[in-house]
Amino acid sequence: MQLIKLHSGHLGKFTLSLHWMNLGNQPVEILIEDVYLLVVPSPQTNVDPDEEERRAQSAKAERLENAELLHMRGQAEISHGTIESRISGRFLAR
């Protein structure tokens, strides 16, 4: 189901930066500047309220999962940094 239709658009600048020799080990950078999109509601929009509710719940669950993963990663980095400082402190004390 298509809710919107792209009427017109403009892309000012698109830059793709990648390292061919190290493609698997280096990040690919994409820079997009000056984007203009004019979208209009699709004339064939038949919105199913149940489907919209399922989509909203799915999006909410995904955001919650991502937030939990970021929180867990932050906690792991904090505890990892604490362990590193304890170990380096022991080496310095000797």
PDB file of N, CA and C in Angstrom:
ATOM      1  N   MET A   1       0.851  -1.175   0.000  1.00  0.00           N
ATOM      2  CA  MET A   1       0.000   0.000   0.000  1.00  0.00           C
ATOM      3  C   MET A   1       0.896   1.238   0.000  1.00  0.00           C
ATOM      4  N   GLN A   2       0.684   2.111  -0.914  1.00  0.00           N
ATOM      5  CA  GLN A   2       1.469   3.325  -1.054  1.00  0.00           C
ATOM      6  C   GLN A   2       0.653   4.487  -0.499  1.00  0.00           C
ATOM      7  N   LEU A   3       1.158   5.089   0.592  1.00  0.00           N
ATOM      8  CA  LEU A   3       0.431   6.176   1.236  1.00  0.00           C
ATOM      9  C   LEU A   3       0.710   7.538   0.612  1.00  0.00           C
ATOM     10  N   ILE A   4       1.927   7.694   0.085  1.00  0.00           N
ATOM     11  CA  ILE A   4       2.295   8.973  -0.519  1.00  0.00           C
ATOM     12  C   ILE A   4       2.867   8.730  -1.910  1.00  0.00           C
ATOM     13  N   LYS A   5       2.861   9.794  -2.692  1.00  0.00           N
ATOM     14  CA  LYS A   5       3.387   9.739  -4.055  1.00  0.00           C
ATOM     15  C   LYS A   5       4.391  10.872  -4.215  1.00  0.00           C
ATOM     16  N   LEU A   6       5.547  10.566  -4.779  1.00  0.00           N
ATOM     17  CA  LEU A   6       6.558  11.586  -5.040  1.00  0.00           C
ATOM     18  C   LEU A   6       6.130  12.388  -6.254  1.00  0.00           C
ATOM     19  N   HIS A   7       5.904  13.666  -6.032  1.00  0.00           N
ATOM     20  CA  HIS A   7       5.464  14.544  -7.123  1.00  0.00           C
ATOM     21  C   HIS A   7       6.671  15.093  -7.875  1.00  0.00           C
ATOM     22  N   SER A   8       7.648  15.598  -7.142  1.00  0.00           N
ATOM     23  CA  SER A   8       8.873  16.099  -7.762  1.00  0.00           C
ATOM     24  C   SER A   8       9.961  16.150  -6.695  1.00  0.00           C
ATOM     25  N   GLY A   9      11.179  16.333  -7.146  1.00  0.00           N
ATOM     26  CA  GLY A   9      12.283  16.383  -6.198  1.00  0.00           C
ATOM     27  C   GLY A   9      13.549  16.922  -6.822  1.00  0.00           C
ATOM     28  N   HIS A  10      14.496  17.230  -5.953  1.00  0.00           N
ATOM     29  CA  HIS A  10      15.775  17.783  -6.388  1.00  0.00           C
ATOM     30  C   HIS A  10      16.840  17.307  -5.416  1.00  0.00           C
ATOM     31  N   LEU A  11      17.953  16.825  -5.943  1.00  0.00           N
ATOM     32  CA  LEU A  11      19.098  16.405  -5.140  1.00  0.00           C
ATOM     33  C   LEU A  11      20.262  17.311  -5.497  1.00  0.00           C
ATOM     34  N   GLY A  12      20.713  18.096  -4.513  1.00  0.00           N
ATOM     35  CA  GLY A  12      21.759  19.065  -4.773  1.00  0.00           C
ATOM     36  C   GLY A  12      23.124  18.440  -4.960  1.00  0.00           C
ATOM     37  N   LYS A  13      23.534  17.593  -4.010  1.00  0.00           N
ATOM     38  CA  LYS A  13      24.872  17.019  -4.076  1.00  0.00           C
ATOM     39  C   LYS A  13      24.842  15.636  -3.449  1.00  0.00           C
ATOM     40  N   PHE A  14      25.455  14.672  -4.134  1.00  0.00           N
ATOM     41  CA  PHE A  14      25.553  13.301  -3.650  1.00  0.00           C
ATOM     42  C   PHE A  14      27.009  12.881  -3.772  1.00  0.00           C
ATOM     43  N   THR A  15      27.630  12.559  -2.636  1.00  0.00           N
ATOM     44  CA  THR A  15      29.033  12.168  -2.638  1.00  0.00           C
ATOM     45  C   THR A  15      29.152  10.784  -2.024  1.00  0.00           C
ATOM     46  N   LEU A  16      29.816   9.880  -2.729  1.00  0.00           N
ATOM     47  CA  LEU A  16      30.050   8.523  -2.256  1.00  0.00           C
ATOM     48  C   LEU A  16      31.553   8.339  -2.123  1.00  0.00           C
ATOM     49  N   SER A  17      31.992   8.006  -0.927  1.00  0.00           N
ATOM     50  CA  SER A  17      33.421   7.842  -0.682  1.00  0.00           C
ATOM     51  C   SER A  17      33.666   6.423  -0.187  1.00  0.00           C
ATOM     52  N   LEU A  18      34.457   5.676  -0.959  1.00  0.00           N
ATOM     53  CA  LEU A  18      34.801   4.324  -0.532  1.00  0.00           C
ATOM     54  C   LEU A  18      36.232   4.015  -0.925  1.00  0.00           C
ATOM     55  N   HIS A  19      36.817   3.082  -0.226  1.00  0.00           N
ATOM     56  CA  HIS A  19      38.209   2.698  -0.435  1.00  0.00           C
ATOM     57  C   HIS A  19      38.215   1.345  -1.149  1.00  0.00           C
ATOM     58  N   TRP A  20      38.486   1.342  -2.467  1.00  0.00           N
ATOM     59  CA  TRP A  20      38.419   0.118  -3.252  1.00  0.00           C
ATOM     60  C   TRP A  20      39.373  -0.947  -2.749  1.00  0.00           C
ATOM     61  N   MET A  21      40.554  -0.565  -2.354  1.00  0.00           N
ATOM     62  CA  MET A  21      41.549  -1.541  -1.934  1.00  0.00           C
ATOM     63  C   MET A  21      41.217  -2.140  -0.564  1.00  0.00           C
ATOM     64  N   ASN A  22      40.421  -1.443   0.227  1.00  0.00           N
ATOM     65  CA  ASN A  22      40.075  -1.906   1.571  1.00  0.00           C
ATOM     66  C   ASN A  22      38.564  -1.916   1.753  1.00  0.00           C
ATOM     67  N   LEU A  23      37.831  -2.319   0.758  1.00  0.00           N
ATOM     68  CA  LEU A  23      36.379  -2.214   0.763  1.00  0.00           C
ATOM     69  C   LEU A  23      35.739  -2.954   1.930  1.00  0.00           C
ATOM     70  N   GLY A  24      36.264  -4.102   2.299  1.00  0.00           N
ATOM     71  CA  GLY A  24      35.683  -4.870   3.402  1.00  0.00           C
ATOM     72  C   GLY A  24      36.067  -4.370   4.775  1.00  0.00           C
ATOM     73  N   ASN A  25      37.100  -3.522   4.870  1.00  0.00           N
ATOM     74  CA  ASN A  25      37.600  -3.085   6.176  1.00  0.00           C
ATOM     75  C   ASN A  25      37.374  -1.615   6.475  1.00  0.00           C
ATOM     76  N   GLN A  26      37.058  -0.826   5.479  1.00  0.00           N
ATOM     77  CA  GLN A  26      36.865   0.611   5.648  1.00  0.00           C
ATOM     78  C   GLN A  26      35.392   0.963   5.455  1.00  0.00           C
ATOM     79  N   PRO A  27      34.915   1.984   6.158  1.00  0.00           N
ATOM     80  CA  PRO A  27      33.512   2.369   5.988  1.00  0.00           C
ATOM     81  C   PRO A  27      33.265   3.029   4.637  1.00  0.00           C
ATOM     82  N   VAL A  28      32.051   2.909   4.174  1.00  0.00           N
ATOM     83  CA  VAL A  28      31.596   3.606   2.973  1.00  0.00           C
ATOM     84  C   VAL A  28      30.835   4.832   3.460  1.00  0.00           C
ATOM     85  N   GLU A  29      31.225   6.003   3.005  1.00  0.00           N
ATOM     86  CA  GLU A  29      30.598   7.249   3.441  1.00  0.00           C
ATOM     87  C   GLU A  29      29.716   7.794   2.329  1.00  0.00           C
ATOM     88  N   ILE A  30      28.495   8.154   2.703  1.00  0.00           N
ATOM     89  CA  ILE A  30      27.553   8.745   1.753  1.00  0.00           C
ATOM     90  C   ILE A  30      27.142  10.103   2.295  1.00  0.00           C
ATOM     91  N   LEU A  31      27.325  11.137   1.519  1.00  0.00           N
ATOM     92  CA  LEU A  31      26.956  12.493   1.902  1.00  0.00           C
ATOM     93  C   LEU A  31      25.907  13.001   0.921  1.00  0.00           C
ATOM     94  N   ILE A  32      24.750  13.361   1.452  1.00  0.00           N
ATOM     95  CA  ILE A  32      23.661  13.887   0.635  1.00  0.00           C
ATOM     96  C   ILE A  32      23.344  15.289   1.142  1.00  0.00           C
ATOM     97  N   GLU A  33      23.380  16.264   0.250  1.00  0.00           N
ATOM     98  CA  GLU A  33      23.118  17.652   0.618  1.00  0.00           C
ATOM     99  C   GLU A  33      22.011  18.231  -0.255  1.00  0.00           C
ATOM    100  N   ASP A  34      21.278  19.157   0.310  1.00  0.00           N
ATOM    101  CA  ASP A  34      20.254  19.913  -0.410  1.00  0.00           C
ATOM    102  C   ASP A  34      19.227  19.010  -1.105  1.00  0.00           C
ATOM    103  N   VAL A  35      18.478  18.303  -0.294  1.00  0.00           N
ATOM    104  CA  VAL A  35      17.430  17.432  -0.816  1.00  0.00           C
ATOM    105  C   VAL A  35      16.093  18.154  -0.698  1.00  0.00           C
ATOM    106  N   TYR A  36      15.343  18.150  -1.774  1.00  0.00           N
ATOM    107  CA  TYR A  36      13.999  18.726  -1.785  1.00  0.00           C
ATOM    108  C   TYR A  36      13.065  17.695  -2.386  1.00  0.00           C
ATOM    109  N   LEU A  37      12.041  17.306  -1.633  1.00  0.00           N
ATOM    110  CA  LEU A  37      11.045  16.360  -2.115  1.00  0.00           C
ATOM    111  C   LEU A  37       9.663  16.955  -1.925  1.00  0.00           C
ATOM    112  N   LEU A  38       8.851  16.862  -2.934  1.00  0.00           N
ATOM    113  CA  LEU A  38       7.463  17.272  -2.829  1.00  0.00           C
ATOM    114  C   LEU A  38       6.620  16.009  -2.950  1.00  0.00           C
ATOM    115  N   VAL A  39       6.001  15.628  -1.853  1.00  0.00           N
ATOM    116  CA  VAL A  39       5.174  14.425  -1.841  1.00  0.00           C
ATOM    117  C   VAL A  39       3.723  14.821  -1.610  1.00  0.00           C
ATOM    118  N   VAL A  40       2.851  14.027  -2.180  1.00  0.00           N
ATOM    119  CA  VAL A  40       1.411  14.263  -2.034  1.00  0.00           C
ATOM    120  C   VAL A  40       0.765  12.960  -1.581  1.00  0.00           C
ATOM    121  N   PRO A  41      -0.378  13.046  -0.917  1.00  0.00           N
ATOM    122  CA  PRO A  41      -1.071  11.812  -0.534  1.00  0.00           C
ATOM    123  C   PRO A  41      -1.459  11.009  -1.775  1.00  0.00           C
ATOM    124  N   SER A  42      -1.343   9.729  -1.678  1.00  0.00           N
ATOM    125  CA  SER A  42      -1.717   8.866  -2.785  1.00  0.00           C
ATOM    126  C   SER A  42      -3.234   8.880  -2.943  1.00  0.00           C
ATOM    127  N   PRO A  43      -3.716   8.983  -4.160  1.00  0.00           N
ATOM    128  CA  PRO A  43      -5.168   9.036  -4.354  1.00  0.00           C
ATOM    129  C   PRO A  43      -5.852   7.699  -4.037  1.00  0.00           C
ATOM    130  N   GLN A  44      -5.089   6.621  -3.971  1.00  0.00           N
ATOM    131  CA  GLN A  44      -5.662   5.301  -3.724  1.00  0.00           C
ATOM    132  C   GLN A  44      -5.446   4.855  -2.282  1.00  0.00           C
ATOM    133  N   THR A  45      -5.437   5.781  -1.343  1.00  0.00           N
ATOM    134  CA  THR A  45      -5.151   5.450   0.039  1.00  0.00           C
ATOM    135  C   THR A  45      -6.373   4.829   0.702  1.00  0.00           C
ATOM    136  N   ASN A  46      -6.281   3.547   0.981  1.00  0.00           N
ATOM    137  CA  ASN A  46      -7.279   2.826   1.758  1.00  0.00           C
ATOM    138  C   ASN A  46      -6.591   2.346   3.020  1.00  0.00           C
ATOM    139  N   VAL A  47      -6.665   3.119   4.079  1.00  0.00           N
ATOM    140  CA  VAL A  47      -5.946   2.816   5.306  1.00  0.00           C
ATOM    141  C   VAL A  47      -6.755   1.836   6.140  1.00  0.00           C
ATOM    142  N   ASP A  48      -6.123   0.708   6.462  1.00  0.00           N
ATOM    143  CA  ASP A  48      -6.728  -0.281   7.344  1.00  0.00           C
ATOM    144  C   ASP A  48      -6.286   0.061   8.767  1.00  0.00           C
ATOM    145  N   PRO A  49      -7.199   0.409   9.669  1.00  0.00           N
ATOM    146  CA  PRO A  49      -6.815   0.796  11.026  1.00  0.00           C
ATOM    147  C   PRO A  49      -6.050  -0.298  11.763  1.00  0.00           C
ATOM    148  N   ASP A  50      -6.410  -1.552  11.548  1.00  0.00           N
ATOM    149  CA  ASP A  50      -5.692  -2.648  12.206  1.00  0.00           C
ATOM    150  C   ASP A  50      -4.251  -2.745  11.710  1.00  0.00           C
ATOM    151  N   GLU A  51      -4.066  -2.596  10.401  1.00  0.00           N
ATOM    152  CA  GLU A  51      -2.719  -2.636   9.830  1.00  0.00           C
ATOM    153  C   GLU A  51      -1.884  -1.461  10.342  1.00  0.00           C
ATOM    154  N   GLU A  52      -2.480  -0.283  10.415  1.00  0.00           N
ATOM    155  CA  GLU A  52      -1.764   0.881  10.938  1.00  0.00           C
ATOM    156  C   GLU A  52      -1.354   0.669  12.389  1.00  0.00           C
ATOM    157  N   GLU A  53      -2.210   0.070  13.192  1.00  0.00           N
ATOM    158  CA  GLU A  53      -1.890  -0.220  14.593  1.00  0.00           C
ATOM    159  C   GLU A  53      -0.747  -1.226  14.679  1.00  0.00           C
ATOM    160  N   ARG A  54      -0.774  -2.264  13.836  1.00  0.00           N
ATOM    161  CA  ARG A  54       0.323  -3.245  13.834  1.00  0.00           C
ATOM    162  C   ARG A  54       1.639  -2.585  13.443  1.00  0.00           C
ATOM    163  N   ARG A  55       1.596  -1.711  12.452  1.00  0.00           N
ATOM    164  CA  ARG A  55       2.825  -1.005  12.039  1.00  0.00           C
ATOM    165  C   ARG A  55       3.352  -0.111  13.156  1.00  0.00           C
ATOM    166  N   ALA A  56       2.457   0.597  13.808  1.00  0.00           N
ATOM    167  CA  ALA A  56       2.868   1.484  14.891  1.00  0.00           C
ATOM    168  C   ALA A  56       3.479   0.685  16.035  1.00  0.00           C
ATOM    169  N   GLN A  57       2.863  -0.442  16.399  1.00  0.00           N
ATOM    170  CA  GLN A  57       3.393  -1.283  17.477  1.00  0.00           C
ATOM    171  C   GLN A  57       4.743  -1.880  17.091  1.00  0.00           C
ATOM    172  N   SER A  58       4.882  -2.277  15.841  1.00  0.00           N
ATOM    173  CA  SER A  58       6.146  -2.837  15.371  1.00  0.00           C
ATOM    174  C   SER A  58       7.256  -1.785  15.415  1.00  0.00           C
ATOM    175  N   ALA A  59       6.950  -0.584  14.975  1.00  0.00           N
ATOM    176  CA  ALA A  59       7.939   0.502  15.005  1.00  0.00           C
ATOM    177  C   ALA A  59       8.320   0.846  16.436  1.00  0.00           C
ATOM    178  N   LYS A  60       7.337   0.858  17.326  1.00  0.00           N
ATOM    179  CA  LYS A  60       7.600   1.155  18.728  1.00  0.00           C
ATOM    180  C   LYS A  60       8.483   0.076  19.348  1.00  0.00           C
ATOM    181  N   ALA A  61       8.212  -1.190  19.051  1.00  0.00           N
ATOM    182  CA  ALA A  61       9.014  -2.294  19.572  1.00  0.00           C
ATOM    183  C   ALA A  61      10.446  -2.220  19.050  1.00  0.00           C
ATOM    184  N   GLU A  62      10.611  -1.849  17.784  1.00  0.00           N
ATOM    185  CA  GLU A  62      11.953  -1.726  17.210  1.00  0.00           C
ATOM    186  C   GLU A  62      12.736  -0.593  17.872  1.00  0.00           C
ATOM    187  N   ARG A  63      12.079   0.545  18.111  1.00  0.00           N
ATOM    188  CA  ARG A  63      12.758   1.660  18.792  1.00  0.00           C
ATOM    189  C   ARG A  63      13.164   1.260  20.204  1.00  0.00           C
ATOM    190  N   LEU A  64      12.295   0.540  20.897  1.00  0.00           N
ATOM    191  CA  LEU A  64      12.604   0.097  22.252  1.00  0.00           C
ATOM    192  C   LEU A  64      13.781  -0.871  22.248  1.00  0.00           C
ATOM    193  N   GLU A  65      13.791  -1.807  21.313  1.00  0.00           N
ATOM    194  CA  GLU A  65      14.893  -2.760  21.216  1.00  0.00           C
ATOM    195  C   GLU A  65      16.213  -2.042  20.932  1.00  0.00           C
ATOM    196  N   ASN A  66      16.189  -1.073  20.021  1.00  0.00           N
ATOM    197  CA  ASN A  66      17.406  -0.312  19.708  1.00  0.00           C
ATOM    198  C   ASN A  66      17.891   0.471  20.923  1.00  0.00           C
ATOM    199  N   ALA A  67      16.971   1.069  21.673  1.00  0.00           N
ATOM    200  CA  ALA A  67      17.354   1.813  22.873  1.00  0.00           C
ATOM    201  C   ALA A  67      17.975   0.886  23.910  1.00  0.00           C
ATOM    202  N   GLU A  68      17.404  -0.310  24.067  1.00  0.00           N
ATOM    203  CA  GLU A  68      17.956  -1.270  25.025  1.00  0.00           C
ATOM    204  C   GLU A  68      19.344  -1.726  24.602  1.00  0.00           C
ATOM    205  N   LEU A  69      19.542  -1.960  23.298  1.00  0.00           N
ATOM    206  CA  LEU A  69      20.863  -2.363  22.819  1.00  0.00           C
ATOM    207  C   LEU A  69      21.897  -1.265  23.048  1.00  0.00           C
ATOM    208  N   LEU A  70      21.510  -0.019  22.784  1.00  0.00           N
ATOM    209  CA  LEU A  70      22.437   1.092  23.025  1.00  0.00           C
ATOM    210  C   LEU A  70      22.767   1.222  24.510  1.00  0.00           C
ATOM    211  N   HIS A  71      21.771   1.029  25.345  1.00  0.00           N
ATOM    212  CA  HIS A  71      21.990   1.100  26.793  1.00  0.00           C
ATOM    213  C   HIS A  71      22.932  -0.022  27.239  1.00  0.00           C
ATOM    214  N   MET A  72      22.701  -1.244  26.735  1.00  0.00           N
ATOM    215  CA  MET A  72      23.557  -2.369  27.103  1.00  0.00           C
ATOM    216  C   MET A  72      24.981  -2.146  26.616  1.00  0.00           C
ATOM    217  N   ARG A  73      25.127  -1.591  25.403  1.00  0.00           N
ATOM    218  CA  ARG A  73      26.463  -1.323  24.873  1.00  0.00           C
ATOM    219  C   ARG A  73      27.176  -0.286  25.738  1.00  0.00           C
ATOM    220  N   GLY A  74      26.450   0.744  26.158  1.00  0.00           N
ATOM    221  CA  GLY A  74      27.037   1.768  27.015  1.00  0.00           C
ATOM    222  C   GLY A  74      27.456   1.193  28.354  1.00  0.00           C
ATOM    223  N   GLN A  75      26.632   0.328  28.933  1.00  0.00           N
ATOM    224  CA  GLN A  75      26.976  -0.299  30.205  1.00  0.00           C
ATOM    225  C   GLN A  75      28.210  -1.189  30.049  1.00  0.00           C
ATOM    226  N   ALA A  76      28.287  -1.919  28.936  1.00  0.00           N
ATOM    227  CA  ALA A  76      29.439  -2.789  28.693  1.00  0.00           C
ATOM    228  C   ALA A  76      30.712  -1.966  28.543  1.00  0.00           C
ATOM    229  N   GLU A  77      30.620  -0.826  27.845  1.00  0.00           N
ATOM    230  CA  GLU A  77      31.798   0.023  27.679  1.00  0.00           C
ATOM    231  C   GLU A  77      32.241   0.618  29.000  1.00  0.00           C
ATOM    232  N   ILE A  78      31.286   0.987  29.832  1.00  0.00           N
ATOM    233  CA  ILE A  78      31.617   1.540  31.138  1.00  0.00           C
ATOM    234  C   ILE A  78      32.298   0.483  31.994  1.00  0.00           C
ATOM    235  N   SER A  79      31.727  -0.722  32.057  1.00  0.00           N
ATOM    236  CA  SER A  79      32.326  -1.767  32.884  1.00  0.00           C
ATOM    237  C   SER A  79      33.654  -2.207  32.304  1.00  0.00           C
ATOM    238  N   HIS A  80      33.779  -2.239  30.976  1.00  0.00           N
ATOM    239  CA  HIS A  80      35.041  -2.608  30.343  1.00  0.00           C
ATOM    240  C   HIS A  80      36.107  -1.564  30.680  1.00  0.00           C
ATOM    241  N   GLY A  81      35.749  -0.297  30.620  1.00  0.00           N
ATOM    242  CA  GLY A  81      36.691   0.767  30.966  1.00  0.00           C
ATOM    243  C   GLY A  81      37.108   0.687  32.423  1.00  0.00           C
ATOM    244  N   THR A  82      36.191   0.320  33.324  1.00  0.00           N
ATOM    245  CA  THR A  82      36.508   0.172  34.741  1.00  0.00           C
ATOM    246  C   THR A  82      37.492  -0.964  34.937  1.00  0.00           C
ATOM    247  N   ILE A  83      37.272  -2.086  34.237  1.00  0.00           N
ATOM    248  CA  ILE A  83      38.188  -3.218  34.351  1.00  0.00           C
ATOM    249  C   ILE A  83      39.559  -2.834  33.828  1.00  0.00           C
ATOM    250  N   GLU A  84      39.617  -2.135  32.707  1.00  0.00           N
ATOM    251  CA  GLU A  84      40.904  -1.706  32.158  1.00  0.00           C
ATOM    252  C   GLU A  84      41.637  -0.794  33.122  1.00  0.00           C
ATOM    253  N   SER A  85      40.907   0.137  33.766  1.00  0.00           N
ATOM    254  CA  SER A  85      41.585   1.045  34.682  1.00  0.00           C
ATOM    255  C   SER A  85      42.089   0.289  35.908  1.00  0.00           C
ATOM    256  N   ARG A  86      41.375  -0.723  36.370  1.00  0.00           N
ATOM    257  CA  ARG A  86      41.847  -1.528  37.502  1.00  0.00           C
ATOM    258  C   ARG A  86      43.102  -2.289  37.129  1.00  0.00           C
ATOM    259  N   ILE A  87      43.105  -2.885  35.925  1.00  0.00           N
ATOM    260  CA  ILE A  87      44.266  -3.665  35.486  1.00  0.00           C
ATOM    261  C   ILE A  87      45.472  -2.747  35.300  1.00  0.00           C
ATOM    262  N   SER A  88      45.295  -1.603  34.651  1.00  0.00           N
ATOM    263  CA  SER A  88      46.423  -0.702  34.452  1.00  0.00           C
ATOM    264  C   SER A  88      46.903  -0.141  35.774  1.00  0.00           C
ATOM    265  N   GLY A  89      45.998   0.060  36.714  1.00  0.00           N
ATOM    266  CA  GLY A  89      46.400   0.527  38.041  1.00  0.00           C
ATOM    267  C   GLY A  89      47.253  -0.497  38.762  1.00  0.00           C
ATOM    268  N   ARG A  90      46.935  -1.761  38.595  1.00  0.00           N
ATOM    269  CA  ARG A  90      47.732  -2.818  39.216  1.00  0.00           C
ATOM    270  C   ARG A  90      49.131  -2.880  38.612  1.00  0.00           C
ATOM    271  N   PHE A  91      49.230  -2.722  37.267  1.00  0.00           N
ATOM    272  CA  PHE A  91      50.522  -2.751  36.647  1.00  0.00           C
ATOM    273  C   PHE A  91      51.367  -1.551  37.056  1.00  0.00           C
ATOM    274  N   LEU A  92      50.736  -0.409  37.202  1.00  0.00           N
ATOM    275  CA  LEU A  92      51.467   0.787  37.595  1.00  0.00           C
ATOM    276  C   LEU A  92      51.925   0.712  39.049  1.00  0.00           C
ATOM    277  N   ALA A  93      51.148   0.030  39.893  1.00  0.00           N
ATOM    278  CA  ALA A  93      51.507  -0.069  41.311  1.00  0.00           C
ATOM    279  C   ALA A  93      52.711  -0.965  41.511  1.00  0.00           C
ATOM    280  N   ARG A  94      52.951  -1.869  40.611  1.00  0.00           N
ATOM    281  CA  ARG A  94      54.083  -2.809  40.771  1.00  0.00           C
ATOM    282  C   ARG A  94      55.330  -2.207  40.336  1.00  0.00           C
TER     283      ARG A  94
END
